[in-house]
Amino acid sequence: MNDIIFKWINSLANQSVFLDKSMILLTNSVPYLAVAMILLLWFIPGTSHHIENKRTAIYAGCTTAFTLLLNLILHLVYYHPRPFAVHHVHKLIPHSMDSSFVSDHAIVVFSIAWILWMRGSRWRVPVLCWAVLIGISRIFVGVHYPADIAGSAVIAYACGYLVVRFSAKLEFFVQFILNVYRRVNFFETNELERKEKL
């Protein structure tokens, strides 16, 4: 089933220049959009849930870090070849021959998506849809199997659940980050006010 779904999605590649470029752009957007999404959560102004948004950003960052570390360990102890290593595929982007299971890209976007979902963010549905599209794009460009994406989603959900479930254990870290931000923001505000008076 894994191979069948992979071949079906990957067979759509090289059929449309527009679709190919869209999928490549989508799959390459992950590092930039993931960072932008966390920063947007942190800095979005003028809402009654400003502090809660910052907490969500911290939880998303923690979950992403945990899942990437877990994926690094998984790659060290278990190797599964990439689709392009064992099949004739439409490979649209360059990629190393490291282990296919699980996907770094998918695990990052699902980490953010699940945290937003568990925290009840108004962005949870579009971000989860984005995560699913990223997963499909990784299959489309020929570098991951569907099982890699599903595994990424499951691991991200489990780590996200643990972060939210035991958020009280992270409270010291959360307060530390918030206090650092408040102090930096306070000094910047005072400096701006001083310059305006000059």
N, C-alpha and C. Protein backbone atom coordinates (compact mmCIF):
# COMPACT_ATOMS: atom_id res chain seq x y z
N MET A 1 0.83 -1.21 0.00
CA MET A 1 0.00 0.00 0.00
C MET A 1 0.86 1.26 0.00
N ASN A 2 1.95 1.21 0.79
CA ASN A 2 2.87 2.35 0.86
C ASN A 2 3.43 2.68 -0.52
N ASP A 3 3.91 1.64 -1.22
CA ASP A 3 4.46 1.83 -2.56
C ASP A 3 3.39 2.27 -3.56
N ILE A 4 2.21 1.71 -3.44
CA ILE A 4 1.13 2.03 -4.38
C ILE A 4 0.74 3.50 -4.28
N ILE A 5 0.55 3.99 -3.04
CA ILE A 5 0.18 5.39 -2.85
C ILE A 5 1.31 6.31 -3.31
N PHE A 6 2.56 5.92 -2.99
CA PHE A 6 3.69 6.72 -3.42
C PHE A 6 3.72 6.85 -4.94
N LYS A 7 3.61 5.72 -5.63
CA LYS A 7 3.69 5.74 -7.09
C LYS A 7 2.55 6.53 -7.70
N TRP A 8 1.37 6.47 -7.10
CA TRP A 8 0.22 7.22 -7.62
C TRP A 8 0.45 8.72 -7.51
N ILE A 9 0.91 9.17 -6.33
CA ILE A 9 1.14 10.62 -6.15
C ILE A 9 2.33 11.08 -6.97
N ASN A 10 3.42 10.31 -6.95
CA ASN A 10 4.62 10.71 -7.67
C ASN A 10 4.43 10.66 -9.18
N SER A 11 3.50 9.83 -9.65
CA SER A 11 3.24 9.75 -11.10
C SER A 11 2.64 11.04 -11.65
N LEU A 12 2.12 11.89 -10.76
CA LEU A 12 1.56 13.17 -11.19
C LEU A 12 2.64 14.19 -11.52
N ALA A 13 3.87 13.92 -11.08
CA ALA A 13 4.99 14.82 -11.38
C ALA A 13 5.35 14.74 -12.86
N ASN A 14 5.95 15.82 -13.34
CA ASN A 14 6.36 15.94 -14.75
C ASN A 14 5.19 15.90 -15.73
N GLN A 15 4.00 16.18 -15.23
CA GLN A 15 2.82 16.27 -16.09
C GLN A 15 2.44 17.72 -16.36
N SER A 16 2.80 18.59 -15.43
CA SER A 16 2.46 20.01 -15.53
C SER A 16 3.59 20.83 -14.93
N VAL A 17 4.12 21.76 -15.71
CA VAL A 17 5.21 22.61 -15.23
C VAL A 17 4.74 23.43 -14.03
N PHE A 18 3.51 23.94 -14.12
CA PHE A 18 2.97 24.75 -13.03
C PHE A 18 2.85 23.94 -11.74
N LEU A 19 2.32 22.72 -11.85
CA LEU A 19 2.16 21.87 -10.66
C LEU A 19 3.51 21.49 -10.08
N ASP A 20 4.46 21.15 -10.95
CA ASP A 20 5.80 20.79 -10.48
C ASP A 20 6.44 21.94 -9.70
N LYS A 21 6.39 23.14 -10.29
CA LYS A 21 7.01 24.30 -9.64
C LYS A 21 6.29 24.66 -8.35
N SER A 22 4.98 24.49 -8.34
CA SER A 22 4.20 24.79 -7.13
C SER A 22 4.58 23.84 -6.00
N MET A 23 4.72 22.56 -6.31
CA MET A 23 5.09 21.58 -5.30
C MET A 23 6.52 21.77 -4.80
N ILE A 24 7.42 22.13 -5.71
CA ILE A 24 8.81 22.40 -5.31
C ILE A 24 8.86 23.63 -4.40
N LEU A 25 8.13 24.68 -4.79
CA LEU A 25 8.06 25.89 -3.96
C LEU A 25 7.47 25.58 -2.59
N LEU A 26 6.42 24.79 -2.58
CA LEU A 26 5.75 24.43 -1.33
C LEU A 26 6.68 23.64 -0.42
N THR A 27 7.34 22.65 -0.97
CA THR A 27 8.20 21.78 -0.16
C THR A 27 9.44 22.51 0.34
N ASN A 28 9.92 23.49 -0.44
CA ASN A 28 11.10 24.26 -0.03
C ASN A 28 10.77 25.41 0.91
N SER A 29 9.47 25.68 1.08
CA SER A 29 9.05 26.81 1.91
C SER A 29 9.08 26.50 3.40
N VAL A 30 9.22 25.23 3.74
CA VAL A 30 9.04 24.81 5.14
C VAL A 30 9.91 25.58 6.14
N PRO A 31 11.24 25.66 5.96
CA PRO A 31 12.04 26.35 6.99
C PRO A 31 11.62 27.80 7.19
N TYR A 32 11.30 28.48 6.09
CA TYR A 32 10.97 29.90 6.17
C TYR A 32 9.58 30.12 6.77
N LEU A 33 8.60 29.36 6.29
CA LEU A 33 7.23 29.55 6.78
C LEU A 33 7.07 29.06 8.22
N ALA A 34 7.80 28.02 8.59
CA ALA A 34 7.71 27.53 9.97
C ALA A 34 8.22 28.58 10.95
N VAL A 35 9.36 29.18 10.63
CA VAL A 35 9.91 30.25 11.48
C VAL A 35 8.97 31.45 11.48
N ALA A 36 8.48 31.81 10.29
CA ALA A 36 7.57 32.96 10.18
C ALA A 36 6.30 32.75 10.99
N MET A 37 5.81 31.52 11.01
CA MET A 37 4.58 31.22 11.73
C MET A 37 4.76 31.36 13.24
N ILE A 38 5.88 30.88 13.75
CA ILE A 38 6.15 31.00 15.18
C ILE A 38 6.36 32.47 15.56
N LEU A 39 7.07 33.22 14.70
CA LEU A 39 7.27 34.64 14.97
C LEU A 39 5.96 35.41 14.91
N LEU A 40 5.10 35.04 13.98
CA LEU A 40 3.80 35.70 13.88
C LEU A 40 2.98 35.46 15.14
N LEU A 41 3.01 34.23 15.62
CA LEU A 41 2.31 33.92 16.88
C LEU A 41 2.85 34.77 18.02
N TRP A 42 4.15 34.95 18.02
CA TRP A 42 4.79 35.68 19.12
C TRP A 42 4.48 37.18 19.07
N PHE A 43 4.55 37.75 17.87
CA PHE A 43 4.49 39.20 17.75
C PHE A 43 3.13 39.76 17.34
N ILE A 44 2.15 38.89 17.03
CA ILE A 44 0.86 39.39 16.58
C ILE A 44 0.26 40.32 17.64
N PRO A 45 -0.04 41.56 17.29
CA PRO A 45 -0.46 42.55 18.29
C PRO A 45 -1.97 42.64 18.46
N GLY A 46 -2.35 43.33 19.50
CA GLY A 46 -3.74 43.78 19.65
C GLY A 46 -4.77 42.70 19.86
N THR A 47 -4.42 41.60 20.52
CA THR A 47 -5.42 40.58 20.81
C THR A 47 -5.48 40.35 22.32
N SER A 48 -6.62 39.90 22.78
CA SER A 48 -6.78 39.63 24.21
C SER A 48 -6.03 38.36 24.62
N HIS A 49 -5.56 37.60 23.63
CA HIS A 49 -4.85 36.35 23.91
C HIS A 49 -3.35 36.49 23.61
N HIS A 50 -2.83 37.72 23.77
CA HIS A 50 -1.45 38.00 23.40
C HIS A 50 -0.46 37.08 24.12
N ILE A 51 -0.60 36.95 25.44
CA ILE A 51 0.32 36.10 26.21
C ILE A 51 0.11 34.64 25.86
N GLU A 52 -1.14 34.23 25.65
CA GLU A 52 -1.40 32.84 25.28
C GLU A 52 -0.81 32.51 23.92
N ASN A 53 -0.81 33.48 23.00
CA ASN A 53 -0.17 33.27 21.70
C ASN A 53 1.33 33.05 21.87
N LYS A 54 1.92 33.81 22.78
CA LYS A 54 3.35 33.63 23.05
C LYS A 54 3.62 32.25 23.65
N ARG A 55 2.75 31.81 24.55
CA ARG A 55 2.89 30.47 25.10
C ARG A 55 2.80 29.42 23.99
N THR A 56 1.84 29.60 23.10
CA THR A 56 1.68 28.67 21.99
C THR A 56 2.94 28.64 21.13
N ALA A 57 3.53 29.81 20.89
CA ALA A 57 4.76 29.89 20.10
C ALA A 57 5.89 29.13 20.80
N ILE A 58 5.99 29.28 22.12
CA ILE A 58 7.03 28.57 22.88
C ILE A 58 6.79 27.06 22.84
N TYR A 59 5.54 26.64 23.03
CA TYR A 59 5.21 25.21 22.97
C TYR A 59 5.51 24.64 21.58
N ALA A 60 5.20 25.42 20.54
CA ALA A 60 5.47 24.96 19.17
C ALA A 60 6.96 24.82 18.95
N GLY A 61 7.74 25.79 19.45
CA GLY A 61 9.19 25.71 19.32
C GLY A 61 9.76 24.51 20.07
N CYS A 62 9.26 24.28 21.29
CA CYS A 62 9.72 23.13 22.08
C CYS A 62 9.39 21.81 21.41
N THR A 63 8.16 21.70 20.92
CA THR A 63 7.73 20.46 20.25
C THR A 63 8.56 20.20 19.01
N THR A 64 8.81 21.26 18.23
CA THR A 64 9.63 21.12 17.02
C THR A 64 11.03 20.65 17.38
N ALA A 65 11.62 21.24 18.41
CA ALA A 65 12.97 20.84 18.84
C ALA A 65 12.99 19.38 19.30
N PHE A 66 11.99 18.98 20.08
CA PHE A 66 11.92 17.60 20.58
C PHE A 66 11.78 16.60 19.42
N THR A 67 10.89 16.91 18.48
CA THR A 67 10.65 15.98 17.38
C THR A 67 11.86 15.88 16.45
N LEU A 68 12.54 16.99 16.22
CA LEU A 68 13.74 16.95 15.37
C LEU A 68 14.85 16.15 16.05
N LEU A 69 14.98 16.29 17.36
CA LEU A 69 15.97 15.51 18.11
C LEU A 69 15.63 14.02 18.05
N LEU A 70 14.35 13.71 18.23
CA LEU A 70 13.90 12.32 18.16
C LEU A 70 14.13 11.75 16.77
N ASN A 71 13.89 12.55 15.75
CA ASN A 71 14.11 12.11 14.37
C ASN A 71 15.59 11.87 14.11
N LEU A 72 16.44 12.72 14.66
CA LEU A 72 17.88 12.54 14.51
C LEU A 72 18.32 11.21 15.11
N ILE A 73 17.82 10.91 16.30
CA ILE A 73 18.14 9.63 16.95
C ILE A 73 17.61 8.46 16.14
N LEU A 74 16.39 8.61 15.63
CA LEU A 74 15.76 7.56 14.83
C LEU A 74 16.58 7.27 13.58
N HIS A 75 17.10 8.32 12.95
CA HIS A 75 17.91 8.14 11.74
C HIS A 75 19.23 7.43 12.06
N LEU A 76 19.71 7.60 13.28
CA LEU A 76 20.97 6.96 13.67
C LEU A 76 20.81 5.46 13.91
N VAL A 77 19.62 5.06 14.37
CA VAL A 77 19.42 3.65 14.75
C VAL A 77 18.62 2.86 13.72
N TYR A 78 17.97 3.55 12.79
CA TYR A 78 17.15 2.84 11.80
C TYR A 78 17.31 3.49 10.44
N TYR A 79 17.59 2.67 9.44
CA TYR A 79 17.74 3.20 8.08
C TYR A 79 16.70 2.59 7.16
N HIS A 80 15.98 3.46 6.47
CA HIS A 80 15.06 3.01 5.43
C HIS A 80 15.39 3.80 4.17
N PRO A 81 15.66 3.12 3.06
CA PRO A 81 16.09 3.83 1.85
C PRO A 81 15.03 4.77 1.29
N ARG A 82 15.49 5.83 0.68
CA ARG A 82 14.60 6.78 0.01
C ARG A 82 13.93 6.10 -1.19
N PRO A 83 12.77 6.61 -1.60
CA PRO A 83 12.10 6.01 -2.77
C PRO A 83 12.97 6.01 -4.02
N PHE A 84 13.73 7.12 -4.21
CA PHE A 84 14.55 7.21 -5.42
C PHE A 84 15.76 6.27 -5.39
N ALA A 85 16.03 5.68 -4.21
CA ALA A 85 17.14 4.74 -4.10
C ALA A 85 16.75 3.33 -4.55
N VAL A 86 15.46 3.04 -4.54
CA VAL A 86 15.01 1.67 -4.85
C VAL A 86 13.99 1.61 -5.99
N HIS A 87 13.48 2.77 -6.40
CA HIS A 87 12.49 2.80 -7.47
C HIS A 87 12.89 3.81 -8.54
N HIS A 88 12.32 3.63 -9.70
CA HIS A 88 12.43 4.66 -10.73
C HIS A 88 11.34 5.69 -10.43
N VAL A 89 11.75 6.88 -10.02
CA VAL A 89 10.78 7.89 -9.59
C VAL A 89 11.00 9.19 -10.33
N HIS A 90 10.01 10.08 -10.23
CA HIS A 90 10.17 11.45 -10.70
C HIS A 90 10.75 12.25 -9.54
N LYS A 91 12.06 12.45 -9.55
CA LYS A 91 12.74 13.15 -8.46
C LYS A 91 12.96 14.60 -8.89
N LEU A 92 12.23 15.50 -8.25
CA LEU A 92 12.22 16.89 -8.70
C LEU A 92 13.19 17.79 -7.95
N ILE A 93 13.72 17.32 -6.83
CA ILE A 93 14.68 18.13 -6.06
C ILE A 93 15.87 17.27 -5.68
N PRO A 94 17.05 17.88 -5.53
CA PRO A 94 18.21 17.11 -5.07
C PRO A 94 18.04 16.71 -3.61
N HIS A 95 18.53 15.54 -3.27
CA HIS A 95 18.42 15.10 -1.87
C HIS A 95 19.47 14.04 -1.59
N SER A 96 19.94 14.02 -0.35
CA SER A 96 20.92 13.02 0.06
C SER A 96 20.26 11.65 0.19
N MET A 97 21.10 10.63 0.36
CA MET A 97 20.60 9.25 0.45
C MET A 97 20.42 8.80 1.90
N ASP A 98 20.18 9.75 2.80
CA ASP A 98 19.99 9.37 4.20
C ASP A 98 18.64 8.68 4.38
N SER A 99 18.35 8.28 5.60
CA SER A 99 17.14 7.51 5.88
C SER A 99 15.87 8.28 5.54
N SER A 100 14.92 7.58 5.00
CA SER A 100 13.66 8.19 4.58
C SER A 100 12.69 8.39 5.74
N PHE A 101 12.75 7.51 6.72
CA PHE A 101 11.77 7.51 7.82
C PHE A 101 12.39 8.14 9.06
N VAL A 102 11.82 9.24 9.56
CA VAL A 102 10.68 9.99 9.06
C VAL A 102 11.17 11.30 8.44
N SER A 103 10.21 12.12 7.97
CA SER A 103 10.54 13.35 7.25
C SER A 103 10.76 14.53 8.19
N ASP A 104 11.93 15.18 8.08
CA ASP A 104 12.19 16.40 8.86
C ASP A 104 11.17 17.49 8.54
N HIS A 105 10.93 17.69 7.24
CA HIS A 105 9.99 18.74 6.82
C HIS A 105 8.60 18.50 7.40
N ALA A 106 8.13 17.27 7.27
CA ALA A 106 6.78 16.95 7.75
C ALA A 106 6.70 17.03 9.27
N ILE A 107 7.75 16.60 9.94
CA ILE A 107 7.70 16.58 11.40
C ILE A 107 7.68 18.00 11.96
N VAL A 108 8.35 18.93 11.27
CA VAL A 108 8.34 20.34 11.69
C VAL A 108 6.95 20.94 11.54
N VAL A 109 6.35 20.77 10.35
CA VAL A 109 5.05 21.42 10.12
C VAL A 109 3.94 20.77 10.95
N PHE A 110 4.01 19.46 11.15
CA PHE A 110 2.99 18.81 11.98
C PHE A 110 3.19 19.16 13.46
N SER A 111 4.41 19.39 13.88
CA SER A 111 4.65 19.83 15.26
C SER A 111 3.93 21.15 15.53
N ILE A 112 4.07 22.09 14.61
CA ILE A 112 3.40 23.38 14.76
C ILE A 112 1.89 23.22 14.65
N ALA A 113 1.46 22.45 13.66
CA ALA A 113 0.01 22.29 13.42
C ALA A 113 -0.70 21.65 14.61
N TRP A 114 -0.11 20.60 15.17
CA TRP A 114 -0.77 19.91 16.30
C TRP A 114 -0.81 20.78 17.54
N ILE A 115 0.25 21.56 17.79
CA ILE A 115 0.23 22.46 18.94
C ILE A 115 -0.87 23.51 18.78
N LEU A 116 -0.99 24.07 17.60
CA LEU A 116 -2.07 25.04 17.35
C LEU A 116 -3.43 24.39 17.53
N TRP A 117 -3.55 23.15 17.10
CA TRP A 117 -4.82 22.41 17.25
C TRP A 117 -5.14 22.17 18.72
N MET A 118 -4.17 21.69 19.47
CA MET A 118 -4.38 21.39 20.88
C MET A 118 -4.62 22.64 21.73
N ARG A 119 -4.05 23.75 21.27
CA ARG A 119 -4.20 25.00 22.00
C ARG A 119 -5.43 25.80 21.56
N GLY A 120 -6.16 25.26 20.58
CA GLY A 120 -7.39 25.89 20.13
C GLY A 120 -7.19 27.18 19.36
N SER A 121 -6.05 27.30 18.67
CA SER A 121 -5.78 28.50 17.88
C SER A 121 -6.76 28.63 16.72
N ARG A 122 -7.10 29.85 16.38
CA ARG A 122 -7.99 30.07 15.24
C ARG A 122 -7.32 29.70 13.92
N TRP A 123 -5.99 29.55 13.95
CA TRP A 123 -5.25 29.19 12.73
C TRP A 123 -5.07 27.68 12.60
N ARG A 124 -5.65 26.91 13.49
CA ARG A 124 -5.36 25.47 13.52
C ARG A 124 -5.75 24.74 12.25
N VAL A 125 -6.89 25.07 11.66
CA VAL A 125 -7.34 24.35 10.46
C VAL A 125 -6.46 24.67 9.25
N PRO A 126 -6.24 25.98 8.91
CA PRO A 126 -5.37 26.25 7.76
C PRO A 126 -3.95 25.73 7.93
N VAL A 127 -3.42 25.78 9.15
CA VAL A 127 -2.05 25.30 9.37
C VAL A 127 -1.99 23.78 9.25
N LEU A 128 -3.01 23.08 9.72
CA LEU A 128 -3.04 21.63 9.56
C LEU A 128 -3.17 21.26 8.08
N CYS A 129 -3.96 22.02 7.34
CA CYS A 129 -4.07 21.79 5.88
C CYS A 129 -2.72 22.02 5.21
N TRP A 130 -2.02 23.06 5.65
CA TRP A 130 -0.68 23.33 5.12
C TRP A 130 0.26 22.16 5.41
N ALA A 131 0.19 21.61 6.61
CA ALA A 131 1.04 20.48 6.98
C ALA A 131 0.76 19.27 6.08
N VAL A 132 -0.52 19.01 5.83
CA VAL A 132 -0.89 17.89 4.96
C VAL A 132 -0.36 18.12 3.55
N LEU A 133 -0.48 19.35 3.05
CA LEU A 133 0.03 19.67 1.71
C LEU A 133 1.54 19.51 1.63
N ILE A 134 2.23 19.90 2.70
CA ILE A 134 3.68 19.70 2.73
C ILE A 134 4.01 18.21 2.65
N GLY A 135 3.27 17.41 3.39
CA GLY A 135 3.48 15.96 3.35
C GLY A 135 3.28 15.41 1.95
N ILE A 136 2.22 15.85 1.29
CA ILE A 136 1.95 15.40 -0.09
C ILE A 136 3.07 15.85 -1.02
N SER A 137 3.55 17.07 -0.81
CA SER A 137 4.61 17.60 -1.69
C SER A 137 5.90 16.79 -1.56
N ARG A 138 6.19 16.29 -0.36
CA ARG A 138 7.40 15.48 -0.17
C ARG A 138 7.31 14.16 -0.94
N ILE A 139 6.10 13.63 -1.04
CA ILE A 139 5.88 12.42 -1.85
C ILE A 139 5.93 12.77 -3.33
N PHE A 140 5.29 13.86 -3.69
CA PHE A 140 5.21 14.30 -5.08
C PHE A 140 6.60 14.50 -5.69
N VAL A 141 7.51 15.13 -4.94
CA VAL A 141 8.84 15.42 -5.49
C VAL A 141 9.77 14.21 -5.42
N GLY A 142 9.29 13.10 -4.83
CA GLY A 142 10.00 11.83 -4.92
C GLY A 142 11.00 11.52 -3.83
N VAL A 143 10.90 12.22 -2.67
CA VAL A 143 11.91 11.99 -1.63
C VAL A 143 11.38 11.28 -0.39
N HIS A 144 10.05 11.06 -0.31
CA HIS A 144 9.49 10.38 0.86
C HIS A 144 8.32 9.48 0.47
N TYR A 145 8.14 8.44 1.28
CA TYR A 145 6.97 7.57 1.17
C TYR A 145 5.82 8.13 2.01
N PRO A 146 4.59 7.72 1.72
CA PRO A 146 3.46 8.11 2.57
C PRO A 146 3.65 7.71 4.03
N ALA A 147 4.26 6.54 4.28
CA ALA A 147 4.49 6.09 5.66
C ALA A 147 5.43 7.03 6.40
N ASP A 148 6.37 7.64 5.68
CA ASP A 148 7.27 8.61 6.31
C ASP A 148 6.48 9.82 6.83
N ILE A 149 5.52 10.25 6.03
CA ILE A 149 4.71 11.42 6.39
C ILE A 149 3.76 11.07 7.54
N ALA A 150 3.14 9.90 7.43
CA ALA A 150 2.23 9.46 8.50
C ALA A 150 3.00 9.30 9.82
N GLY A 151 4.20 8.72 9.74
CA GLY A 151 5.03 8.57 10.94
C GLY A 151 5.40 9.91 11.54
N SER A 152 5.70 10.87 10.68
CA SER A 152 6.02 12.22 11.14
C SER A 152 4.85 12.84 11.89
N ALA A 153 3.65 12.67 11.33
CA ALA A 153 2.44 13.23 11.94
C ALA A 153 2.17 12.60 13.31
N VAL A 154 2.37 11.29 13.41
CA VAL A 154 2.12 10.58 14.67
C VAL A 154 3.13 10.99 15.74
N ILE A 155 4.41 11.04 15.36
CA ILE A 155 5.45 11.44 16.32
C ILE A 155 5.23 12.88 16.78
N ALA A 156 4.90 13.76 15.84
CA ALA A 156 4.65 15.16 16.18
C ALA A 156 3.46 15.29 17.11
N TYR A 157 2.41 14.50 16.85
CA TYR A 157 1.23 14.54 17.72
C TYR A 157 1.58 14.08 19.14
N ALA A 158 2.33 12.98 19.22
CA ALA A 158 2.70 12.44 20.53
C ALA A 158 3.55 13.44 21.32
N CYS A 159 4.53 14.04 20.66
CA CYS A 159 5.38 15.02 21.34
C CYS A 159 4.59 16.27 21.72
N GLY A 160 3.72 16.71 20.81
CA GLY A 160 2.88 17.87 21.10
C GLY A 160 1.96 17.62 22.28
N TYR A 161 1.40 16.42 22.33
CA TYR A 161 0.52 16.06 23.44
C TYR A 161 1.28 16.09 24.76
N LEU A 162 2.49 15.56 24.77
CA LEU A 162 3.29 15.53 26.00
C LEU A 162 3.67 16.94 26.45
N VAL A 163 4.00 17.80 25.48
CA VAL A 163 4.35 19.18 25.82
C VAL A 163 3.16 19.90 26.45
N VAL A 164 1.98 19.75 25.85
CA VAL A 164 0.78 20.40 26.38
C VAL A 164 0.35 19.76 27.70
N ARG A 165 0.40 18.43 27.75
CA ARG A 165 -0.05 17.70 28.94
C ARG A 165 0.81 18.05 30.16
N PHE A 166 2.11 18.19 29.92
CA PHE A 166 3.02 18.48 31.03
C PHE A 166 3.56 19.91 30.94
N SER A 167 2.73 20.82 30.46
CA SER A 167 3.16 22.21 30.29
C SER A 167 3.56 22.85 31.62
N ALA A 168 2.98 22.38 32.71
CA ALA A 168 3.35 22.92 34.03
C ALA A 168 4.83 22.70 34.31
N LYS A 169 5.37 21.60 33.80
CA LYS A 169 6.79 21.30 34.00
C LYS A 169 7.68 22.28 33.21
N LEU A 170 7.10 22.88 32.16
CA LEU A 170 7.85 23.82 31.32
C LEU A 170 7.66 25.26 31.76
N GLU A 171 6.86 25.47 32.81
CA GLU A 171 6.48 26.83 33.19
C GLU A 171 7.69 27.70 33.54
N PHE A 172 8.68 27.11 34.20
CA PHE A 172 9.88 27.87 34.53
C PHE A 172 10.55 28.38 33.26
N PHE A 173 10.67 27.50 32.26
CA PHE A 173 11.29 27.87 30.99
C PHE A 173 10.45 28.92 30.27
N VAL A 174 9.13 28.73 30.27
CA VAL A 174 8.22 29.68 29.62
C VAL A 174 8.34 31.06 30.26
N GLN A 175 8.34 31.11 31.58
CA GLN A 175 8.45 32.39 32.29
C GLN A 175 9.81 33.04 32.04
N PHE A 176 10.85 32.22 31.94
CA PHE A 176 12.18 32.75 31.65
C PHE A 176 12.19 33.46 30.29
N ILE A 177 11.63 32.79 29.27
CA ILE A 177 11.58 33.38 27.92
C ILE A 177 10.74 34.65 27.93
N LEU A 178 9.59 34.62 28.58
CA LEU A 178 8.71 35.79 28.63
C LEU A 178 9.38 36.95 29.36
N ASN A 179 10.09 36.66 30.44
CA ASN A 179 10.77 37.71 31.19
C ASN A 179 11.91 38.34 30.40
N VAL A 180 12.66 37.50 29.68
CA VAL A 180 13.73 38.02 28.83
C VAL A 180 13.14 38.94 27.77
N TYR A 181 12.04 38.52 27.16
CA TYR A 181 11.39 39.34 26.14
C TYR A 181 10.91 40.67 26.73
N ARG A 182 10.29 40.61 27.91
CA ARG A 182 9.79 41.84 28.54
C ARG A 182 10.93 42.82 28.83
N ARG A 183 12.05 42.29 29.30
CA ARG A 183 13.18 43.17 29.62
C ARG A 183 13.76 43.80 28.36
N VAL A 184 13.94 43.00 27.32
CA VAL A 184 14.46 43.52 26.06
C VAL A 184 13.50 44.56 25.50
N ASN A 185 12.22 44.25 25.53
CA ASN A 185 11.20 45.17 25.02
C ASN A 185 11.17 46.46 25.85
N PHE A 186 11.35 46.32 27.16
CA PHE A 186 11.35 47.48 28.06
C PHE A 186 12.51 48.41 27.74
N PHE A 187 13.71 47.84 27.56
CA PHE A 187 14.88 48.66 27.26
C PHE A 187 14.74 49.34 25.89
N GLU A 188 14.19 48.62 24.92
CA GLU A 188 14.00 49.20 23.59
C GLU A 188 13.00 50.35 23.64
N THR A 189 11.91 50.16 24.40
CA THR A 189 10.89 51.21 24.53
C THR A 189 11.48 52.45 25.19
N ASN A 190 12.25 52.26 26.26
CA ASN A 190 12.87 53.39 26.95
C ASN A 190 13.86 54.13 26.06
N GLU A 191 14.60 53.37 25.26
CA GLU A 191 15.57 53.98 24.35
C GLU A 191 14.88 54.81 23.29
N LEU A 192 13.77 54.29 22.76
CA LEU A 192 13.00 55.04 21.76
C LEU A 192 12.43 56.32 22.36
N GLU A 193 11.91 56.22 23.58
CA GLU A 193 11.36 57.40 24.24
C GLU A 193 12.44 58.44 24.50
N ARG A 194 13.63 57.98 24.86
CA ARG A 194 14.74 58.90 25.11
C ARG A 194 15.14 59.64 23.84
N LYS A 195 15.19 58.90 22.72
CA LYS A 195 15.55 59.52 21.44
C LYS A 195 14.51 60.52 20.98
N GLU A 196 13.22 60.21 21.26
CA GLU A 196 12.15 61.12 20.86
C GLU A 196 12.21 62.44 21.62
N LYS A 197 12.72 62.39 22.85
CA LYS A 197 12.80 63.60 23.67
C LYS A 197 13.97 64.49 23.27
N LEU A 198 14.97 63.88 22.61
CA LEU A 198 16.15 64.66 22.21
C LEU A 198 15.84 65.60 21.05
